[in-house]
Amino acid sequence: NVISDGDINIVSTDDVVMSERATVESISGDVTFNSRNLQLATVKAVNGVATMDIRGAITDGNGGAINVIANRWQADALNGIGSGLGKTGDADAIETDVNILSVRNAGRLEPTMAASSINIANTDSIIIEQLRNNGDIGFSTQTGEIVLDNTNNDIYDPTLTDARLQGGVINTNAGLFSRLQL
C-alpha cells in the first residue's frame, strides 16, 4: 500500500499490476499513473484527481470492489477501460465513486484493429465531461443523477475520424461498429 499526504506519481515503461487488496491513496493530493497496462485494485484521491495515462488497457484487478475513489477521474487508454459491457458474462466494469468523469479510449480506430470497450459502474451522482471511445461504451450509476457537462469541450466535429478528438461529451465512434449502453 502507498499512502501519502501529497501527490503520488507512478511511472513505468512496462505494466503496473496492483494486487487485489492494494491501495494507492493521496489524502490531500492527486494520484497519477503512466504505464503500458494498468490493473487496478483501489486508487483514492478523494480531495484530488486520479489521472491515468495508459498506453494499453485499464483493467479491474479487485472483482466487484471499487477501483477509483476520487473527486475527479481522468483516464486516457489505447486498449480499453474495463471490459465488455454491463455486469454480465465476461464483462468487468471499472467500479468508481467519483464526482467528475473524463475518460477516453482509442478503441477501434480502423476496422483492422481489435475492438476495445469502456465499461464503468459508478456508485452515485456524477458529472460526465468526457466519455469517448472508438468502440462500445457501457456506463451505469447505482443512484443519483448523471449530468453531461460540455462546458470545457470543443464543439462536436463529425468530420474527425477519432472519437477522442471529435469534441462533445459522449462519442462512441467515428463511423465504425459500436454502441452505447447507459
N, C-alpha and C. Protein backbone atom coordinates (compact mmCIF):
# COMPACT_ATOMS: atom_id res chain seq x y z
N ASN A 1 0.84 -1.20 0.00
CA ASN A 1 0.00 0.00 0.00
C ASN A 1 0.87 1.25 0.00
N VAL A 2 0.39 2.27 -0.71
CA VAL A 2 1.08 3.55 -0.75
C VAL A 2 0.08 4.60 -0.30
N ILE A 3 0.41 5.31 0.79
CA ILE A 3 -0.46 6.36 1.32
C ILE A 3 0.40 7.60 1.55
N SER A 4 -0.08 8.77 1.08
CA SER A 4 0.68 10.00 1.19
C SER A 4 -0.25 11.17 1.41
N ASP A 5 0.28 12.23 2.04
CA ASP A 5 -0.45 13.49 2.18
C ASP A 5 -0.41 14.28 0.89
N GLY A 6 0.64 14.09 0.07
CA GLY A 6 0.80 14.86 -1.15
C GLY A 6 0.49 14.05 -2.39
N ASP A 7 0.99 14.54 -3.50
CA ASP A 7 0.76 13.88 -4.77
C ASP A 7 1.55 12.57 -4.86
N ILE A 8 1.00 11.62 -5.60
CA ILE A 8 1.66 10.34 -5.86
C ILE A 8 1.74 10.16 -7.36
N ASN A 9 2.96 9.90 -7.88
CA ASN A 9 3.16 9.69 -9.31
C ASN A 9 3.81 8.32 -9.51
N ILE A 10 3.16 7.45 -10.26
CA ILE A 10 3.70 6.13 -10.56
C ILE A 10 3.90 6.06 -12.06
N VAL A 11 5.18 5.91 -12.46
CA VAL A 11 5.55 5.90 -13.87
C VAL A 11 6.31 4.62 -14.17
N SER A 12 5.90 3.94 -15.24
CA SER A 12 6.56 2.70 -15.64
C SER A 12 6.54 2.58 -17.16
N THR A 13 7.63 2.04 -17.72
CA THR A 13 7.65 1.76 -19.15
C THR A 13 6.96 0.43 -19.44
N ASP A 14 6.64 -0.31 -18.39
CA ASP A 14 6.00 -1.62 -18.52
C ASP A 14 4.62 -1.57 -17.87
N ASP A 15 4.05 -2.73 -17.58
CA ASP A 15 2.74 -2.83 -16.94
C ASP A 15 2.83 -2.50 -15.45
N VAL A 16 1.75 -1.96 -14.90
CA VAL A 16 1.59 -1.81 -13.45
C VAL A 16 0.45 -2.73 -13.05
N VAL A 17 0.74 -3.68 -12.16
CA VAL A 17 -0.26 -4.65 -11.71
C VAL A 17 -0.40 -4.51 -10.20
N MET A 18 -1.56 -4.02 -9.76
CA MET A 18 -1.83 -3.89 -8.34
C MET A 18 -2.43 -5.22 -7.85
N SER A 19 -1.95 -5.71 -6.72
CA SER A 19 -2.55 -6.91 -6.15
C SER A 19 -3.97 -6.58 -5.70
N GLU A 20 -4.80 -7.59 -5.55
CA GLU A 20 -6.23 -7.41 -5.32
C GLU A 20 -6.56 -6.49 -4.14
N ARG A 21 -5.74 -6.50 -3.09
CA ARG A 21 -6.03 -5.69 -1.90
C ARG A 21 -5.16 -4.45 -1.78
N ALA A 22 -4.41 -4.14 -2.81
CA ALA A 22 -3.51 -2.98 -2.78
C ALA A 22 -4.30 -1.68 -2.85
N THR A 23 -3.75 -0.64 -2.20
CA THR A 23 -4.35 0.69 -2.23
C THR A 23 -3.26 1.71 -2.48
N VAL A 24 -3.53 2.64 -3.38
CA VAL A 24 -2.69 3.82 -3.58
C VAL A 24 -3.58 5.00 -3.24
N GLU A 25 -3.21 5.75 -2.19
CA GLU A 25 -4.08 6.81 -1.68
C GLU A 25 -3.33 8.09 -1.37
N SER A 26 -3.83 9.19 -1.96
CA SER A 26 -3.36 10.51 -1.59
C SER A 26 -4.46 11.18 -0.78
N ILE A 27 -4.15 11.56 0.43
CA ILE A 27 -5.15 12.13 1.33
C ILE A 27 -5.57 13.53 0.89
N SER A 28 -4.61 14.34 0.42
CA SER A 28 -4.96 15.70 0.04
C SER A 28 -4.49 16.09 -1.36
N GLY A 29 -3.88 15.16 -2.09
CA GLY A 29 -3.35 15.50 -3.41
C GLY A 29 -3.92 14.63 -4.51
N ASP A 30 -3.15 14.52 -5.57
CA ASP A 30 -3.54 13.77 -6.76
C ASP A 30 -2.77 12.46 -6.85
N VAL A 31 -3.32 11.50 -7.59
CA VAL A 31 -2.64 10.25 -7.88
C VAL A 31 -2.56 10.13 -9.40
N THR A 32 -1.34 9.88 -9.91
CA THR A 32 -1.14 9.78 -11.35
C THR A 32 -0.43 8.48 -11.69
N PHE A 33 -0.95 7.78 -12.70
CA PHE A 33 -0.33 6.58 -13.25
C PHE A 33 0.02 6.85 -14.70
N ASN A 34 1.21 6.43 -15.11
CA ASN A 34 1.63 6.47 -16.50
C ASN A 34 2.36 5.17 -16.77
N SER A 35 1.73 4.28 -17.55
CA SER A 35 2.32 2.97 -17.80
C SER A 35 1.78 2.37 -19.08
N ARG A 36 2.25 1.16 -19.39
CA ARG A 36 1.72 0.46 -20.56
C ARG A 36 0.31 -0.02 -20.24
N ASN A 37 0.14 -1.07 -19.46
CA ASN A 37 -1.17 -1.53 -18.99
C ASN A 37 -1.28 -1.27 -17.50
N LEU A 38 -2.51 -1.13 -17.02
CA LEU A 38 -2.74 -0.89 -15.59
C LEU A 38 -3.85 -1.79 -15.10
N GLN A 39 -3.50 -2.68 -14.15
CA GLN A 39 -4.52 -3.49 -13.47
C GLN A 39 -4.79 -2.83 -12.13
N LEU A 40 -6.03 -2.34 -11.96
CA LEU A 40 -6.40 -1.56 -10.79
C LEU A 40 -6.90 -2.42 -9.64
N ALA A 41 -6.48 -2.08 -8.44
CA ALA A 41 -7.14 -2.55 -7.23
C ALA A 41 -7.91 -1.33 -6.72
N THR A 42 -7.34 -0.57 -5.76
CA THR A 42 -8.03 0.62 -5.25
C THR A 42 -7.11 1.83 -5.33
N VAL A 43 -7.61 2.90 -5.96
CA VAL A 43 -6.91 4.17 -6.06
C VAL A 43 -7.81 5.23 -5.44
N LYS A 44 -7.24 6.00 -4.49
CA LYS A 44 -8.03 7.03 -3.81
C LYS A 44 -7.36 8.39 -3.93
N ALA A 45 -8.15 9.37 -4.38
CA ALA A 45 -7.75 10.77 -4.39
C ALA A 45 -9.02 11.56 -4.08
N VAL A 46 -9.55 11.35 -2.89
CA VAL A 46 -10.86 11.89 -2.52
C VAL A 46 -10.92 13.40 -2.64
N ASN A 47 -9.81 14.07 -2.37
CA ASN A 47 -9.77 15.53 -2.45
C ASN A 47 -9.05 16.03 -3.70
N GLY A 48 -8.76 15.11 -4.62
CA GLY A 48 -7.99 15.50 -5.78
C GLY A 48 -8.42 14.75 -7.03
N VAL A 49 -7.42 14.57 -7.90
CA VAL A 49 -7.65 13.97 -9.21
C VAL A 49 -6.87 12.66 -9.32
N ALA A 50 -7.53 11.63 -9.80
CA ALA A 50 -6.86 10.39 -10.17
C ALA A 50 -6.69 10.44 -11.69
N THR A 51 -5.45 10.45 -12.15
CA THR A 51 -5.16 10.56 -13.58
C THR A 51 -4.45 9.29 -14.03
N MET A 52 -4.91 8.73 -15.15
CA MET A 52 -4.31 7.53 -15.70
C MET A 52 -4.05 7.74 -17.18
N ASP A 53 -2.77 7.78 -17.54
CA ASP A 53 -2.36 7.92 -18.94
C ASP A 53 -1.73 6.58 -19.32
N ILE A 54 -2.51 5.72 -19.98
CA ILE A 54 -2.14 4.33 -20.17
C ILE A 54 -2.00 4.01 -21.66
N ARG A 55 -0.86 3.44 -22.04
CA ARG A 55 -0.59 3.11 -23.44
C ARG A 55 -1.15 1.75 -23.82
N GLY A 56 -1.92 1.13 -22.95
CA GLY A 56 -2.57 -0.16 -23.19
C GLY A 56 -3.98 -0.11 -22.63
N ALA A 57 -4.28 -1.07 -21.73
CA ALA A 57 -5.63 -1.18 -21.16
C ALA A 57 -5.63 -0.91 -19.67
N ILE A 58 -6.77 -0.43 -19.17
CA ILE A 58 -7.02 -0.29 -17.74
C ILE A 58 -8.02 -1.39 -17.40
N THR A 59 -7.62 -2.32 -16.52
CA THR A 59 -8.48 -3.45 -16.17
C THR A 59 -8.74 -3.50 -14.67
N ASP A 60 -9.78 -4.24 -14.32
CA ASP A 60 -10.21 -4.40 -12.92
C ASP A 60 -9.45 -5.55 -12.29
N GLY A 61 -8.77 -5.29 -11.18
CA GLY A 61 -8.00 -6.32 -10.51
C GLY A 61 -8.52 -6.67 -9.13
N ASN A 62 -9.72 -6.19 -8.76
CA ASN A 62 -10.22 -6.49 -7.41
C ASN A 62 -11.69 -6.92 -7.42
N GLY A 63 -12.13 -7.55 -8.49
CA GLY A 63 -13.51 -8.05 -8.54
C GLY A 63 -14.51 -6.92 -8.49
N GLY A 64 -15.51 -7.06 -7.60
CA GLY A 64 -16.59 -6.08 -7.51
C GLY A 64 -16.31 -4.90 -6.60
N ALA A 65 -15.13 -4.83 -6.00
CA ALA A 65 -14.81 -3.71 -5.11
C ALA A 65 -14.54 -2.45 -5.94
N ILE A 66 -14.68 -1.29 -5.31
CA ILE A 66 -14.48 -0.02 -6.01
C ILE A 66 -13.00 0.16 -6.36
N ASN A 67 -12.75 0.53 -7.62
CA ASN A 67 -11.39 0.73 -8.11
C ASN A 67 -10.89 2.16 -7.95
N VAL A 68 -11.75 3.13 -8.24
CA VAL A 68 -11.32 4.53 -8.21
C VAL A 68 -12.28 5.34 -7.34
N ILE A 69 -11.72 5.94 -6.29
CA ILE A 69 -12.47 6.83 -5.41
C ILE A 69 -11.76 8.19 -5.49
N ALA A 70 -12.42 9.16 -6.12
CA ALA A 70 -11.76 10.45 -6.34
C ALA A 70 -12.79 11.53 -6.59
N ASN A 71 -12.35 12.77 -6.39
CA ASN A 71 -13.21 13.88 -6.77
C ASN A 71 -13.35 13.89 -8.30
N ARG A 72 -12.22 13.66 -8.98
CA ARG A 72 -12.22 13.66 -10.45
C ARG A 72 -11.36 12.50 -10.94
N TRP A 73 -11.86 11.78 -11.96
CA TRP A 73 -11.07 10.72 -12.60
C TRP A 73 -10.89 11.06 -14.07
N GLN A 74 -9.62 11.21 -14.46
CA GLN A 74 -9.24 11.46 -15.85
C GLN A 74 -8.46 10.25 -16.33
N ALA A 75 -8.88 9.66 -17.44
CA ALA A 75 -8.16 8.50 -17.95
C ALA A 75 -8.10 8.54 -19.47
N ASP A 76 -6.94 8.21 -19.98
CA ASP A 76 -6.72 8.02 -21.41
C ASP A 76 -6.10 6.65 -21.58
N ALA A 77 -6.70 5.80 -22.42
CA ALA A 77 -6.17 4.47 -22.68
C ALA A 77 -6.24 4.19 -24.17
N LEU A 78 -5.47 3.19 -24.60
CA LEU A 78 -5.48 2.80 -26.00
C LEU A 78 -6.31 1.54 -26.25
N ASN A 79 -6.34 0.62 -25.26
CA ASN A 79 -6.92 -0.71 -25.50
C ASN A 79 -8.03 -1.10 -24.54
N GLY A 80 -8.74 -0.14 -23.97
CA GLY A 80 -9.90 -0.45 -23.15
C GLY A 80 -9.81 0.07 -21.74
N ILE A 81 -10.99 0.36 -21.18
CA ILE A 81 -11.14 0.76 -19.78
C ILE A 81 -12.24 -0.13 -19.24
N GLY A 82 -11.89 -1.10 -18.38
CA GLY A 82 -12.82 -2.15 -18.03
C GLY A 82 -12.90 -3.11 -19.20
N SER A 83 -13.85 -4.04 -19.14
CA SER A 83 -14.01 -4.98 -20.26
C SER A 83 -15.48 -5.30 -20.47
N GLY A 84 -15.83 -5.62 -21.70
CA GLY A 84 -17.21 -5.95 -22.03
C GLY A 84 -18.13 -4.78 -21.78
N LEU A 85 -19.43 -5.10 -21.64
CA LEU A 85 -20.44 -4.08 -21.33
C LEU A 85 -21.32 -4.58 -20.21
N GLY A 86 -21.68 -3.70 -19.27
CA GLY A 86 -22.56 -4.08 -18.17
C GLY A 86 -21.85 -4.97 -17.16
N LYS A 87 -22.62 -5.85 -16.53
CA LYS A 87 -22.07 -6.71 -15.48
C LYS A 87 -22.40 -8.17 -15.73
N THR A 88 -22.60 -8.55 -16.97
CA THR A 88 -22.97 -9.93 -17.28
C THR A 88 -21.85 -10.63 -18.04
N GLY A 89 -21.85 -11.94 -18.00
CA GLY A 89 -20.87 -12.73 -18.74
C GLY A 89 -19.45 -12.41 -18.33
N ASP A 90 -18.59 -12.18 -19.31
CA ASP A 90 -17.19 -11.89 -19.02
C ASP A 90 -16.92 -10.41 -18.83
N ALA A 91 -17.96 -9.60 -18.78
CA ALA A 91 -17.80 -8.16 -18.58
C ALA A 91 -17.29 -7.87 -17.17
N ASP A 92 -16.41 -6.89 -17.06
CA ASP A 92 -15.87 -6.50 -15.76
C ASP A 92 -15.65 -4.99 -15.77
N ALA A 93 -16.61 -4.27 -15.23
CA ALA A 93 -16.55 -2.81 -15.21
C ALA A 93 -15.49 -2.32 -14.23
N ILE A 94 -14.98 -1.12 -14.50
CA ILE A 94 -14.18 -0.41 -13.51
C ILE A 94 -15.20 0.25 -12.59
N GLU A 95 -15.20 -0.15 -11.32
CA GLU A 95 -16.15 0.41 -10.35
C GLU A 95 -15.57 1.71 -9.79
N THR A 96 -16.41 2.74 -9.77
CA THR A 96 -15.93 4.05 -9.35
C THR A 96 -16.88 4.70 -8.35
N ASP A 97 -16.32 5.60 -7.58
CA ASP A 97 -17.06 6.53 -6.73
C ASP A 97 -16.41 7.89 -6.96
N VAL A 98 -16.78 8.52 -8.08
CA VAL A 98 -16.17 9.79 -8.47
C VAL A 98 -17.26 10.82 -8.72
N ASN A 99 -16.89 12.08 -8.52
CA ASN A 99 -17.83 13.17 -8.76
C ASN A 99 -17.79 13.63 -10.22
N ILE A 100 -16.59 13.64 -10.81
CA ILE A 100 -16.41 14.13 -12.18
C ILE A 100 -15.64 13.08 -12.97
N LEU A 101 -16.12 12.78 -14.18
CA LEU A 101 -15.53 11.75 -15.02
C LEU A 101 -15.09 12.35 -16.35
N SER A 102 -13.86 12.07 -16.75
CA SER A 102 -13.35 12.48 -18.06
C SER A 102 -12.46 11.37 -18.57
N VAL A 103 -13.02 10.44 -19.37
CA VAL A 103 -12.25 9.29 -19.85
C VAL A 103 -12.36 9.15 -21.36
N ARG A 104 -11.24 8.67 -21.94
CA ARG A 104 -11.17 8.46 -23.38
C ARG A 104 -10.39 7.18 -23.65
N ASN A 105 -10.82 6.44 -24.66
CA ASN A 105 -10.14 5.23 -25.08
C ASN A 105 -10.01 5.25 -26.60
N ALA A 106 -8.83 4.89 -27.09
CA ALA A 106 -8.62 4.89 -28.55
C ALA A 106 -9.51 3.87 -29.22
N GLY A 107 -9.62 2.67 -28.64
CA GLY A 107 -10.51 1.66 -29.19
C GLY A 107 -10.17 1.28 -30.61
N ARG A 108 -11.18 1.10 -31.41
CA ARG A 108 -11.04 0.60 -32.77
C ARG A 108 -11.02 1.77 -33.75
N LEU A 109 -9.85 2.31 -34.00
CA LEU A 109 -9.73 3.45 -34.91
C LEU A 109 -9.93 3.05 -36.36
N GLU A 110 -9.58 1.80 -36.70
CA GLU A 110 -9.75 1.29 -38.05
C GLU A 110 -10.32 -0.11 -37.99
N PRO A 111 -11.05 -0.56 -39.02
CA PRO A 111 -11.66 -1.89 -38.99
C PRO A 111 -10.68 -3.03 -38.75
N THR A 112 -9.40 -2.84 -39.06
CA THR A 112 -8.41 -3.91 -38.86
C THR A 112 -7.93 -4.00 -37.41
N MET A 113 -8.24 -3.00 -36.59
CA MET A 113 -7.79 -3.00 -35.19
C MET A 113 -8.77 -3.79 -34.33
N ALA A 114 -8.26 -4.36 -33.25
CA ALA A 114 -9.11 -5.08 -32.30
C ALA A 114 -10.02 -4.09 -31.59
N ALA A 115 -11.25 -4.50 -31.35
CA ALA A 115 -12.20 -3.65 -30.64
C ALA A 115 -11.87 -3.64 -29.15
N SER A 116 -12.08 -2.51 -28.51
CA SER A 116 -11.97 -2.43 -27.04
C SER A 116 -13.04 -1.48 -26.55
N SER A 117 -13.51 -1.74 -25.35
CA SER A 117 -14.65 -1.00 -24.82
C SER A 117 -14.28 -0.17 -23.61
N ILE A 118 -15.23 0.69 -23.24
CA ILE A 118 -15.21 1.36 -21.95
C ILE A 118 -16.39 0.79 -21.18
N ASN A 119 -16.14 0.33 -19.95
CA ASN A 119 -17.20 -0.21 -19.10
C ASN A 119 -16.97 0.31 -17.69
N ILE A 120 -17.84 1.22 -17.23
CA ILE A 120 -17.69 1.89 -15.93
C ILE A 120 -19.00 1.80 -15.16
N ALA A 121 -18.90 1.46 -13.87
CA ALA A 121 -20.06 1.44 -12.98
C ALA A 121 -19.78 2.37 -11.82
N ASN A 122 -20.50 3.50 -11.75
CA ASN A 122 -20.31 4.47 -10.68
C ASN A 122 -21.35 4.25 -9.58
N THR A 123 -21.06 4.73 -8.36
CA THR A 123 -21.94 4.46 -7.23
C THR A 123 -22.98 5.54 -6.97
N ASP A 124 -22.75 6.77 -7.45
CA ASP A 124 -23.63 7.87 -7.06
C ASP A 124 -23.72 8.89 -8.19
N SER A 125 -24.27 10.06 -7.90
CA SER A 125 -24.39 11.12 -8.89
C SER A 125 -23.03 11.44 -9.49
N ILE A 126 -23.04 11.85 -10.76
CA ILE A 126 -21.77 12.09 -11.45
C ILE A 126 -21.95 13.15 -12.52
N ILE A 127 -20.88 13.91 -12.75
CA ILE A 127 -20.80 14.84 -13.86
C ILE A 127 -19.85 14.22 -14.89
N ILE A 128 -20.34 14.01 -16.10
CA ILE A 128 -19.50 13.45 -17.16
C ILE A 128 -19.08 14.58 -18.08
N GLU A 129 -17.77 14.82 -18.13
CA GLU A 129 -17.23 15.83 -19.04
C GLU A 129 -16.81 15.19 -20.37
N GLN A 130 -16.22 13.99 -20.30
CA GLN A 130 -15.87 13.25 -21.50
C GLN A 130 -16.06 11.77 -21.24
N LEU A 131 -16.66 11.09 -22.22
CA LEU A 131 -16.82 9.63 -22.21
C LEU A 131 -16.75 9.23 -23.68
N ARG A 132 -15.52 9.03 -24.17
CA ARG A 132 -15.30 8.88 -25.60
C ARG A 132 -14.54 7.60 -25.91
N ASN A 133 -14.98 6.90 -26.95
CA ASN A 133 -14.33 5.67 -27.37
C ASN A 133 -14.63 5.40 -28.83
N ASN A 134 -13.67 4.89 -29.54
CA ASN A 134 -13.89 4.39 -30.90
C ASN A 134 -14.32 2.93 -30.77
N GLY A 135 -15.44 2.71 -30.13
CA GLY A 135 -15.97 1.38 -29.85
C GLY A 135 -17.12 1.50 -28.86
N ASP A 136 -17.46 0.39 -28.23
CA ASP A 136 -18.61 0.34 -27.32
C ASP A 136 -18.34 1.04 -26.00
N ILE A 137 -19.41 1.61 -25.42
CA ILE A 137 -19.34 2.23 -24.10
C ILE A 137 -20.47 1.68 -23.26
N GLY A 138 -20.15 1.20 -22.07
CA GLY A 138 -21.14 0.83 -21.07
C GLY A 138 -20.92 1.69 -19.84
N PHE A 139 -21.97 2.36 -19.36
CA PHE A 139 -21.86 3.21 -18.17
C PHE A 139 -23.12 3.05 -17.34
N SER A 140 -22.94 2.93 -16.03
CA SER A 140 -24.10 2.86 -15.13
C SER A 140 -23.77 3.59 -13.84
N THR A 141 -24.82 4.01 -13.15
CA THR A 141 -24.67 4.56 -11.81
C THR A 141 -25.76 3.93 -10.93
N GLN A 142 -25.40 3.59 -9.69
CA GLN A 142 -26.35 2.92 -8.80
C GLN A 142 -27.47 3.85 -8.37
N THR A 143 -27.11 5.08 -8.00
CA THR A 143 -28.10 6.05 -7.54
C THR A 143 -27.69 7.43 -8.04
N GLY A 144 -28.62 8.36 -7.98
CA GLY A 144 -28.29 9.75 -8.28
C GLY A 144 -28.42 10.11 -9.74
N GLU A 145 -27.95 11.30 -10.05
CA GLU A 145 -28.10 11.88 -11.37
C GLU A 145 -26.84 11.69 -12.20
N ILE A 146 -27.03 11.69 -13.52
CA ILE A 146 -25.93 11.74 -14.47
C ILE A 146 -26.06 13.08 -15.19
N VAL A 147 -25.05 13.94 -15.03
CA VAL A 147 -25.06 15.26 -15.65
C VAL A 147 -24.00 15.28 -16.74
N LEU A 148 -24.38 15.64 -17.96
CA LEU A 148 -23.44 15.77 -19.07
C LEU A 148 -23.03 17.23 -19.16
N ASP A 149 -21.74 17.50 -18.99
CA ASP A 149 -21.22 18.87 -18.95
C ASP A 149 -20.30 19.11 -20.15
N ASN A 150 -20.76 19.90 -21.10
CA ASN A 150 -19.99 20.18 -22.30
C ASN A 150 -19.25 21.52 -22.22
N THR A 151 -19.19 22.10 -21.04
CA THR A 151 -18.63 23.45 -20.87
C THR A 151 -17.21 23.57 -21.41
N ASN A 152 -16.35 22.61 -21.13
CA ASN A 152 -14.93 22.73 -21.49
C ASN A 152 -14.55 21.92 -22.73
N ASN A 153 -15.52 21.43 -23.49
CA ASN A 153 -15.24 20.62 -24.67
C ASN A 153 -15.36 21.45 -25.95
N ASP A 154 -14.64 20.98 -26.97
CA ASP A 154 -14.80 21.58 -28.29
C ASP A 154 -16.18 21.24 -28.83
N ILE A 155 -16.65 22.02 -29.79
CA ILE A 155 -17.90 21.72 -30.48
C ILE A 155 -17.72 20.43 -31.26
N TYR A 156 -18.73 19.58 -31.24
CA TYR A 156 -18.67 18.28 -31.91
C TYR A 156 -18.38 18.45 -33.40
N ASP A 157 -17.37 17.70 -33.88
CA ASP A 157 -16.98 17.78 -35.28
C ASP A 157 -17.02 16.37 -35.89
N PRO A 158 -18.09 16.01 -36.58
CA PRO A 158 -18.23 14.66 -37.13
C PRO A 158 -17.27 14.36 -38.27
N THR A 159 -16.55 15.37 -38.76
CA THR A 159 -15.60 15.11 -39.84
C THR A 159 -14.30 14.48 -39.34
N LEU A 160 -14.03 14.58 -38.06
CA LEU A 160 -12.83 13.95 -37.49
C LEU A 160 -13.06 12.45 -37.37
N THR A 161 -12.02 11.67 -37.56
CA THR A 161 -12.17 10.21 -37.58
C THR A 161 -11.84 9.54 -36.26
N ASP A 162 -11.53 10.30 -35.23
CA ASP A 162 -11.18 9.74 -33.92
C ASP A 162 -12.14 10.32 -32.88
N ALA A 163 -12.95 9.47 -32.25
CA ALA A 163 -13.95 9.93 -31.28
C ALA A 163 -13.33 10.70 -30.13
N ARG A 164 -12.07 10.40 -29.79
CA ARG A 164 -11.41 11.11 -28.69
C ARG A 164 -11.21 12.59 -29.02
N LEU A 165 -11.15 12.93 -30.31
CA LEU A 165 -10.85 14.29 -30.73
C LEU A 165 -12.05 15.04 -31.27
N GLN A 166 -13.19 14.39 -31.42
CA GLN A 166 -14.35 14.99 -32.08
C GLN A 166 -15.05 16.08 -31.28
N GLY A 167 -14.78 16.20 -30.00
CA GLY A 167 -15.48 17.18 -29.18
C GLY A 167 -16.75 16.58 -28.62
N GLY A 168 -17.53 17.41 -27.95
CA GLY A 168 -18.75 16.90 -27.32
C GLY A 168 -18.44 16.12 -26.06
N VAL A 169 -19.49 15.54 -25.46
CA VAL A 169 -19.33 14.82 -24.20
C VAL A 169 -19.18 13.32 -24.42
N ILE A 170 -20.15 12.71 -25.09
CA ILE A 170 -20.12 11.25 -25.28
C ILE A 170 -20.05 10.94 -26.76
N ASN A 171 -18.99 10.24 -27.15
CA ASN A 171 -18.83 9.78 -28.53
C ASN A 171 -18.51 8.30 -28.48
N THR A 172 -19.24 7.50 -29.25
CA THR A 172 -18.98 6.07 -29.23
C THR A 172 -18.17 5.59 -30.41
N ASN A 173 -18.04 6.38 -31.43
CA ASN A 173 -17.15 6.02 -32.54
C ASN A 173 -17.13 7.13 -33.56
N ALA A 174 -16.36 6.87 -34.58
CA ALA A 174 -16.28 7.82 -35.69
C ALA A 174 -16.74 7.11 -36.96
N GLY A 175 -17.86 6.42 -36.89
CA GLY A 175 -18.41 5.75 -38.05
C GLY A 175 -18.13 4.26 -38.10
N LEU A 176 -17.45 3.72 -37.09
CA LEU A 176 -17.19 2.29 -37.05
C LEU A 176 -18.23 1.59 -36.19
N PHE A 177 -18.13 0.29 -36.05
CA PHE A 177 -19.11 -0.54 -35.37
C PHE A 177 -19.04 -0.33 -33.86
N SER A 178 -20.04 0.29 -33.26
CA SER A 178 -20.05 0.45 -31.80
C SER A 178 -21.44 0.76 -31.32
N ARG A 179 -21.59 0.72 -29.98
CA ARG A 179 -22.87 1.00 -29.35
C ARG A 179 -22.65 1.64 -27.99
N LEU A 180 -23.67 2.31 -27.52
CA LEU A 180 -23.64 2.96 -26.22
C LEU A 180 -24.71 2.35 -25.36
N GLN A 181 -24.33 1.93 -24.15
CA GLN A 181 -25.30 1.34 -23.22
C GLN A 181 -25.23 2.11 -21.91
N LEU A 182 -26.29 2.85 -21.59
CA LEU A 182 -26.36 3.60 -20.32
C LEU A 182 -27.38 2.95 -19.42
